[in-house]
Amino acid sequence: MIERKTKETRIKAEVKLLGEGVCEIKTPIAFFNHMLSTLCFYSKMNLSLEAEGDLTHHIIEDVAIVLGTAINNALGERRNIKRFGFAKIPMDDVLAEVVVDLVRRAYVVTDLKLTSSVESIEPELFNHFFRSFAHSANFTLHINVAYGEDNHHKVEAVFKALGIALREAWHPESTLVSTKGEI
């Protein structure tokens, strides 16, 4: 269980990476709950998460930090995992791809191509979520929305692709995952 309490938010989360995709999400942001549930379902991670706070920005940022920290802890020494994961997901008019490397080097590139708010969440908050999440989980994340018009579909396709890419990357693998001998 990871908890974060500040003057602005109170967040707690517990994860099991090799789960069944069971989640219990409670934040005051309905669309964000939907996206976290989507991530949980496609990654097959079990997740229990509760969040409350003063502003949408603070809640989204602190959830990213707590969720990333919980995943980082769950990955442990990162031995015997595939390490790399990739998913390319269509959602109606949108094509999104996500690539991850669970190496212990946080780096993030996002190109969401969002043109307006999605369910009252400003476009930059999604970029901020992905940056804070990957930095807290300590992995490399590349996100690209190739094309599409519907901003809701862009975000949802990215969360689906992220879930699948993470599931693939943290899946058990018995061979070495680096020429260095460890990551």
C-alpha atoms as a PDB file:
ATOM      1  CA  MET A   1       0.000   0.000   0.000  1.00  0.00           C
ATOM      2  CA  ILE A   2       1.340   3.403  -1.017  1.00  0.00           C
ATOM      3  CA  GLU A   3      -0.116   6.546   0.549  1.00  0.00           C
ATOM      4  CA  ARG A   4       0.457  10.212  -0.148  1.00  0.00           C
ATOM      5  CA  LYS A   5      -1.003  12.962   2.005  1.00  0.00           C
ATOM      6  CA  THR A   6      -0.399  16.620   1.254  1.00  0.00           C
ATOM      7  CA  LYS A   7      -2.268  19.829   1.994  1.00  0.00           C
ATOM      8  CA  GLU A   8      -3.914  19.362  -1.430  1.00  0.00           C
ATOM      9  CA  THR A   9      -4.619  15.622  -1.741  1.00  0.00           C
ATOM     10  CA  ARG A  10      -4.947  12.290  -0.012  1.00  0.00           C
ATOM     11  CA  ILE A  11      -4.201   9.271  -2.195  1.00  0.00           C
ATOM     12  CA  LYS A  12      -3.714   5.593  -1.438  1.00  0.00           C
ATOM     13  CA  ALA A  13      -3.148   2.708  -3.828  1.00  0.00           C
ATOM     14  CA  GLU A  14      -2.350  -0.965  -3.814  1.00  0.00           C
ATOM     15  CA  VAL A  15      -1.385  -2.957  -6.918  1.00  0.00           C
ATOM     16  CA  LYS A  16      -0.831  -6.545  -7.958  1.00  0.00           C
ATOM     17  CA  LEU A  17       0.796  -6.594 -11.381  1.00  0.00           C
ATOM     18  CA  LEU A  18      -0.002 -10.188 -12.353  1.00  0.00           C
ATOM     19  CA  GLY A  19      -3.678 -10.058 -11.519  1.00  0.00           C
ATOM     20  CA  GLU A  20      -6.997 -10.393 -13.273  1.00  0.00           C
ATOM     21  CA  GLY A  21      -7.671  -6.722 -14.036  1.00  0.00           C
ATOM     22  CA  VAL A  22      -9.860  -6.264 -10.964  1.00  0.00           C
ATOM     23  CA  CYS A  23     -10.036  -2.669  -9.835  1.00  0.00           C
ATOM     24  CA  GLU A  24     -11.701  -0.462  -7.306  1.00  0.00           C
ATOM     25  CA  ILE A  25     -11.190   3.183  -8.249  1.00  0.00           C
ATOM     26  CA  LYS A  26     -12.563   6.100  -6.245  1.00  0.00           C
ATOM     27  CA  THR A  27     -11.659   9.629  -7.313  1.00  0.00           C
ATOM     28  CA  PRO A  28     -14.001  12.605  -7.779  1.00  0.00           C
ATOM     29  CA  ILE A  29     -13.188  12.697 -11.533  1.00  0.00           C
ATOM     30  CA  ALA A  30     -15.516  10.350 -13.437  1.00  0.00           C
ATOM     31  CA  PHE A  31     -13.600  10.252 -16.743  1.00  0.00           C
ATOM     32  CA  PHE A  32     -10.299   9.723 -14.907  1.00  0.00           C
ATOM     33  CA  ASN A  33     -11.883   6.806 -13.020  1.00  0.00           C
ATOM     34  CA  HIS A  34     -12.908   5.360 -16.384  1.00  0.00           C
ATOM     35  CA  MET A  35      -9.357   5.712 -17.770  1.00  0.00           C
ATOM     36  CA  LEU A  36      -7.749   4.159 -14.681  1.00  0.00           C
ATOM     37  CA  SER A  37     -10.226   1.272 -14.892  1.00  0.00           C
ATOM     38  CA  THR A  38      -9.334   0.891 -18.571  1.00  0.00           C
ATOM     39  CA  LEU A  39      -5.618   0.792 -17.728  1.00  0.00           C
ATOM     40  CA  CYS A  40      -6.308  -1.778 -15.030  1.00  0.00           C
ATOM     41  CA  PHE A  41      -8.434  -3.986 -17.301  1.00  0.00           C
ATOM     42  CA  TYR A  42      -5.982  -4.076 -20.218  1.00  0.00           C
ATOM     43  CA  SER A  43      -2.864  -4.470 -18.065  1.00  0.00           C
ATOM     44  CA  LYS A  44      -4.579  -7.215 -15.992  1.00  0.00           C
ATOM     45  CA  MET A  45      -3.216  -5.392 -12.941  1.00  0.00           C
ATOM     46  CA  ASN A  46      -5.363  -5.534  -9.808  1.00  0.00           C
ATOM     47  CA  LEU A  47      -5.700  -2.029  -8.420  1.00  0.00           C
ATOM     48  CA  SER A  48      -7.305  -0.492  -5.382  1.00  0.00           C
ATOM     49  CA  LEU A  49      -7.084   3.313  -5.475  1.00  0.00           C
ATOM     50  CA  GLU A  50      -8.750   6.080  -3.476  1.00  0.00           C
ATOM     51  CA  ALA A  51      -8.123   9.764  -4.086  1.00  0.00           C
ATOM     52  CA  GLU A  52      -9.533  13.036  -2.884  1.00  0.00           C
ATOM     53  CA  GLY A  53      -8.254  16.555  -3.170  1.00  0.00           C
ATOM     54  CA  ASP A  54      -8.850  20.199  -3.861  1.00  0.00           C
ATOM     55  CA  LEU A  55      -8.226  20.530  -7.623  1.00  0.00           C
ATOM     56  CA  THR A  56      -8.430  18.205 -10.619  1.00  0.00           C
ATOM     57  CA  HIS A  57      -4.797  19.012 -11.457  1.00  0.00           C
ATOM     58  CA  HIS A  58      -3.570  18.025  -7.985  1.00  0.00           C
ATOM     59  CA  ILE A  59      -5.593  14.810  -7.909  1.00  0.00           C
ATOM     60  CA  ILE A  60      -4.432  13.650 -11.356  1.00  0.00           C
ATOM     61  CA  GLU A  61      -0.797  14.509 -10.622  1.00  0.00           C
ATOM     62  CA  ASP A  62      -0.743  12.833  -7.209  1.00  0.00           C
ATOM     63  CA  VAL A  63      -2.559   9.728  -8.461  1.00  0.00           C
ATOM     64  CA  ALA A  64       0.138   9.425 -11.149  1.00  0.00           C
ATOM     65  CA  ILE A  65       2.867   9.700  -8.504  1.00  0.00           C
ATOM     66  CA  VAL A  66       1.265   7.162  -6.160  1.00  0.00           C
ATOM     67  CA  LEU A  67       0.327   4.686  -8.892  1.00  0.00           C
ATOM     68  CA  GLY A  68       3.794   4.956 -10.440  1.00  0.00           C
ATOM     69  CA  THR A  69       5.467   4.450  -7.064  1.00  0.00           C
ATOM     70  CA  ALA A  70       3.282   1.412  -6.340  1.00  0.00           C
ATOM     71  CA  ILE A  71       4.193  -0.129  -9.704  1.00  0.00           C
ATOM     72  CA  ASN A  72       7.880   0.671  -9.210  1.00  0.00           C
ATOM     73  CA  ASN A  73       7.787  -1.100  -5.838  1.00  0.00           C
ATOM     74  CA  ALA A  74       5.865  -4.067  -7.282  1.00  0.00           C
ATOM     75  CA  LEU A  75       8.463  -4.477 -10.041  1.00  0.00           C
ATOM     76  CA  GLY A  76      11.172  -4.914  -7.404  1.00  0.00           C
ATOM     77  CA  GLU A  77      14.541  -5.766  -8.934  1.00  0.00           C
ATOM     78  CA  ARG A  78      12.910  -6.091 -12.376  1.00  0.00           C
ATOM     79  CA  ARG A  79      14.433  -9.499 -12.931  1.00  0.00           C
ATOM     80  CA  ASN A  80      12.807 -12.129 -15.114  1.00  0.00           C
ATOM     81  CA  ILE A  81      10.470  -9.752 -16.947  1.00  0.00           C
ATOM     82  CA  LYS A  82      10.194  -9.186 -20.683  1.00  0.00           C
ATOM     83  CA  ARG A  83      11.099  -5.513 -20.092  1.00  0.00           C
ATOM     84  CA  PHE A  84       9.736  -4.186 -23.402  1.00  0.00           C
ATOM     85  CA  GLY A  85       6.089  -3.786 -24.311  1.00  0.00           C
ATOM     86  CA  PHE A  86       4.258  -2.382 -27.309  1.00  0.00           C
ATOM     87  CA  ALA A  87       0.656  -1.886 -28.355  1.00  0.00           C
ATOM     88  CA  LYS A  88      -1.008  -0.250 -31.334  1.00  0.00           C
ATOM     89  CA  ILE A  89      -4.728   0.272 -30.711  1.00  0.00           C
ATOM     90  CA  PRO A  90      -7.469   1.546 -33.034  1.00  0.00           C
ATOM     91  CA  MET A  91     -10.567   3.133 -31.571  1.00  0.00           C
ATOM     92  CA  ASP A  92     -12.949   4.147 -34.332  1.00  0.00           C
ATOM     93  CA  ASP A  93     -11.214   7.105 -36.017  1.00  0.00           C
ATOM     94  CA  VAL A  94      -8.088   6.996 -33.804  1.00  0.00           C
ATOM     95  CA  LEU A  95      -4.885   4.988 -33.995  1.00  0.00           C
ATOM     96  CA  ALA A  96      -2.683   5.154 -30.895  1.00  0.00           C
ATOM     97  CA  GLU A  97       0.575   3.421 -30.084  1.00  0.00           C
ATOM     98  CA  VAL A  98       2.440   3.059 -26.818  1.00  0.00           C
ATOM     99  CA  VAL A  99       5.912   1.614 -26.303  1.00  0.00           C
ATOM    100  CA  VAL A 100       7.478   1.005 -22.880  1.00  0.00           C
ATOM    101  CA  ASP A 101      10.857  -0.107 -21.605  1.00  0.00           C
ATOM    102  CA  LEU A 102      10.843  -1.005 -17.913  1.00  0.00           C
ATOM    103  CA  VAL A 103      14.524  -0.183 -17.654  1.00  0.00           C
ATOM    104  CA  ARG A 104      15.246   2.056 -14.664  1.00  0.00           C
ATOM    105  CA  ARG A 105      15.569   5.203 -16.763  1.00  0.00           C
ATOM    106  CA  ALA A 106      12.589   7.524 -16.703  1.00  0.00           C
ATOM    107  CA  TYR A 107      12.013   9.189 -20.037  1.00  0.00           C
ATOM    108  CA  VAL A 108       8.724  10.249 -21.615  1.00  0.00           C
ATOM    109  CA  VAL A 109       7.691  11.340 -25.098  1.00  0.00           C
ATOM    110  CA  THR A 110       4.020  12.066 -25.734  1.00  0.00           C
ATOM    111  CA  ASP A 111       2.187  13.184 -28.828  1.00  0.00           C
ATOM    112  CA  LEU A 112      -1.499  12.925 -27.979  1.00  0.00           C
ATOM    113  CA  LYS A 113      -2.663  15.439 -30.577  1.00  0.00           C
ATOM    114  CA  LEU A 114      -5.422  16.661 -28.260  1.00  0.00           C
ATOM    115  CA  THR A 115      -7.178  19.755 -29.566  1.00  0.00           C
ATOM    116  CA  SER A 116      -9.483  20.483 -26.621  1.00  0.00           C
ATOM    117  CA  SER A 117     -10.508  19.356 -23.142  1.00  0.00           C
ATOM    118  CA  VAL A 118     -11.793  15.829 -22.665  1.00  0.00           C
ATOM    119  CA  GLU A 119     -14.703  15.566 -20.217  1.00  0.00           C
ATOM    120  CA  SER A 120     -13.560  18.859 -18.591  1.00  0.00           C
ATOM    121  CA  ILE A 121      -9.933  17.707 -18.245  1.00  0.00           C
ATOM    122  CA  GLU A 122      -7.443  20.017 -19.952  1.00  0.00           C
ATOM    123  CA  PRO A 123      -5.196  18.380 -22.574  1.00  0.00           C
ATOM    124  CA  GLU A 124      -1.979  19.180 -20.694  1.00  0.00           C
ATOM    125  CA  LEU A 125      -3.181  17.217 -17.653  1.00  0.00           C
ATOM    126  CA  PHE A 126      -3.028  13.986 -19.651  1.00  0.00           C
ATOM    127  CA  ASN A 127       0.573  14.720 -20.670  1.00  0.00           C
ATOM    128  CA  HIS A 128       1.313  15.610 -17.054  1.00  0.00           C
ATOM    129  CA  PHE A 129      -0.241  12.343 -15.840  1.00  0.00           C
ATOM    130  CA  PHE A 130       1.874  10.235 -18.206  1.00  0.00           C
ATOM    131  CA  ARG A 131       5.090  12.117 -17.319  1.00  0.00           C
ATOM    132  CA  SER A 132       4.506  11.890 -13.559  1.00  0.00           C
ATOM    133  CA  PHE A 133       3.436   8.235 -13.827  1.00  0.00           C
ATOM    134  CA  ALA A 134       6.470   7.093 -15.840  1.00  0.00           C
ATOM    135  CA  HIS A 135       8.903   9.109 -13.715  1.00  0.00           C
ATOM    136  CA  SER A 136       7.469   7.670 -10.496  1.00  0.00           C
ATOM    137  CA  ALA A 137       7.457   4.126 -11.905  1.00  0.00           C
ATOM    138  CA  ASN A 138      10.943   4.780 -13.331  1.00  0.00           C
ATOM    139  CA  PHE A 139      10.510   3.559 -16.906  1.00  0.00           C
ATOM    140  CA  THR A 140      10.694   4.840 -20.474  1.00  0.00           C
ATOM    141  CA  LEU A 141       7.367   5.663 -22.128  1.00  0.00           C
ATOM    142  CA  HIS A 142       6.628   6.720 -25.695  1.00  0.00           C
ATOM    143  CA  ILE A 143       3.075   7.624 -26.730  1.00  0.00           C
ATOM    144  CA  ASN A 144       1.976   8.586 -30.212  1.00  0.00           C
ATOM    145  CA  VAL A 145      -1.502   9.184 -31.543  1.00  0.00           C
ATOM    146  CA  ALA A 146      -0.990   8.702 -35.268  1.00  0.00           C
ATOM    147  CA  TYR A 147      -4.312  10.274 -36.278  1.00  0.00           C
ATOM    148  CA  GLY A 148      -7.926  10.770 -35.301  1.00  0.00           C
ATOM    149  CA  GLU A 149     -10.477  13.460 -34.594  1.00  0.00           C
ATOM    150  CA  ASP A 150     -12.283  12.468 -31.391  1.00  0.00           C
ATOM    151  CA  ASN A 151     -10.282  13.572 -28.327  1.00  0.00           C
ATOM    152  CA  HIS A 152     -12.121  11.160 -26.022  1.00  0.00           C
ATOM    153  CA  HIS A 153     -11.149   8.294 -28.334  1.00  0.00           C
ATOM    154  CA  LYS A 154      -7.531   9.487 -28.438  1.00  0.00           C
ATOM    155  CA  VAL A 155      -7.193   9.379 -24.651  1.00  0.00           C
ATOM    156  CA  GLU A 156      -9.049   6.088 -24.268  1.00  0.00           C
ATOM    157  CA  ALA A 157      -7.012   4.387 -27.007  1.00  0.00           C
ATOM    158  CA  VAL A 158      -3.803   5.532 -25.294  1.00  0.00           C
ATOM    159  CA  PHE A 159      -4.869   4.143 -21.904  1.00  0.00           C
ATOM    160  CA  LYS A 160      -5.804   0.823 -23.559  1.00  0.00           C
ATOM    161  CA  ALA A 161      -2.469   0.671 -25.374  1.00  0.00           C
ATOM    162  CA  LEU A 162      -0.565   1.597 -22.204  1.00  0.00           C
ATOM    163  CA  GLY A 163      -2.271  -1.229 -20.325  1.00  0.00           C
ATOM    164  CA  ILE A 164      -1.420  -3.801 -22.986  1.00  0.00           C
ATOM    165  CA  ALA A 165       2.182  -2.554 -23.325  1.00  0.00           C
ATOM    166  CA  LEU A 166       2.739  -2.698 -19.555  1.00  0.00           C
ATOM    167  CA  ARG A 167       1.196  -6.179 -19.279  1.00  0.00           C
ATOM    168  CA  GLU A 168       3.556  -7.382 -21.993  1.00  0.00           C
ATOM    169  CA  ALA A 169       6.610  -5.699 -20.436  1.00  0.00           C
ATOM    170  CA  TRP A 170       6.166  -6.968 -16.882  1.00  0.00           C
ATOM    171  CA  HIS A 171       5.162 -10.453 -18.017  1.00  0.00           C
ATOM    172  CA  PRO A 172       7.561 -13.083 -16.634  1.00  0.00           C
ATOM    173  CA  GLU A 173      10.472 -13.985 -18.901  1.00  0.00           C
ATOM    174  CA  SER A 174      13.292 -16.299 -17.907  1.00  0.00           C
ATOM    175  CA  THR A 175      16.016 -14.954 -20.192  1.00  0.00           C
ATOM    176  CA  LEU A 176      18.284 -12.006 -19.541  1.00  0.00           C
ATOM    177  CA  VAL A 177      16.726  -8.711 -20.562  1.00  0.00           C
ATOM    178  CA  SER A 178      19.894  -6.691 -21.107  1.00  0.00           C
ATOM    179  CA  THR A 179      23.371  -7.177 -22.526  1.00  0.00           C
ATOM    180  CA  LYS A 180      24.561  -5.611 -19.238  1.00  0.00           C
ATOM    181  CA  GLY A 181      23.164  -8.559 -17.302  1.00  0.00           C
ATOM    182  CA  GLU A 182      20.522  -6.569 -15.435  1.00  0.00           C
ATOM    183  CA  ILE A 183      18.408  -3.458 -15.793  1.00  0.00           C
END
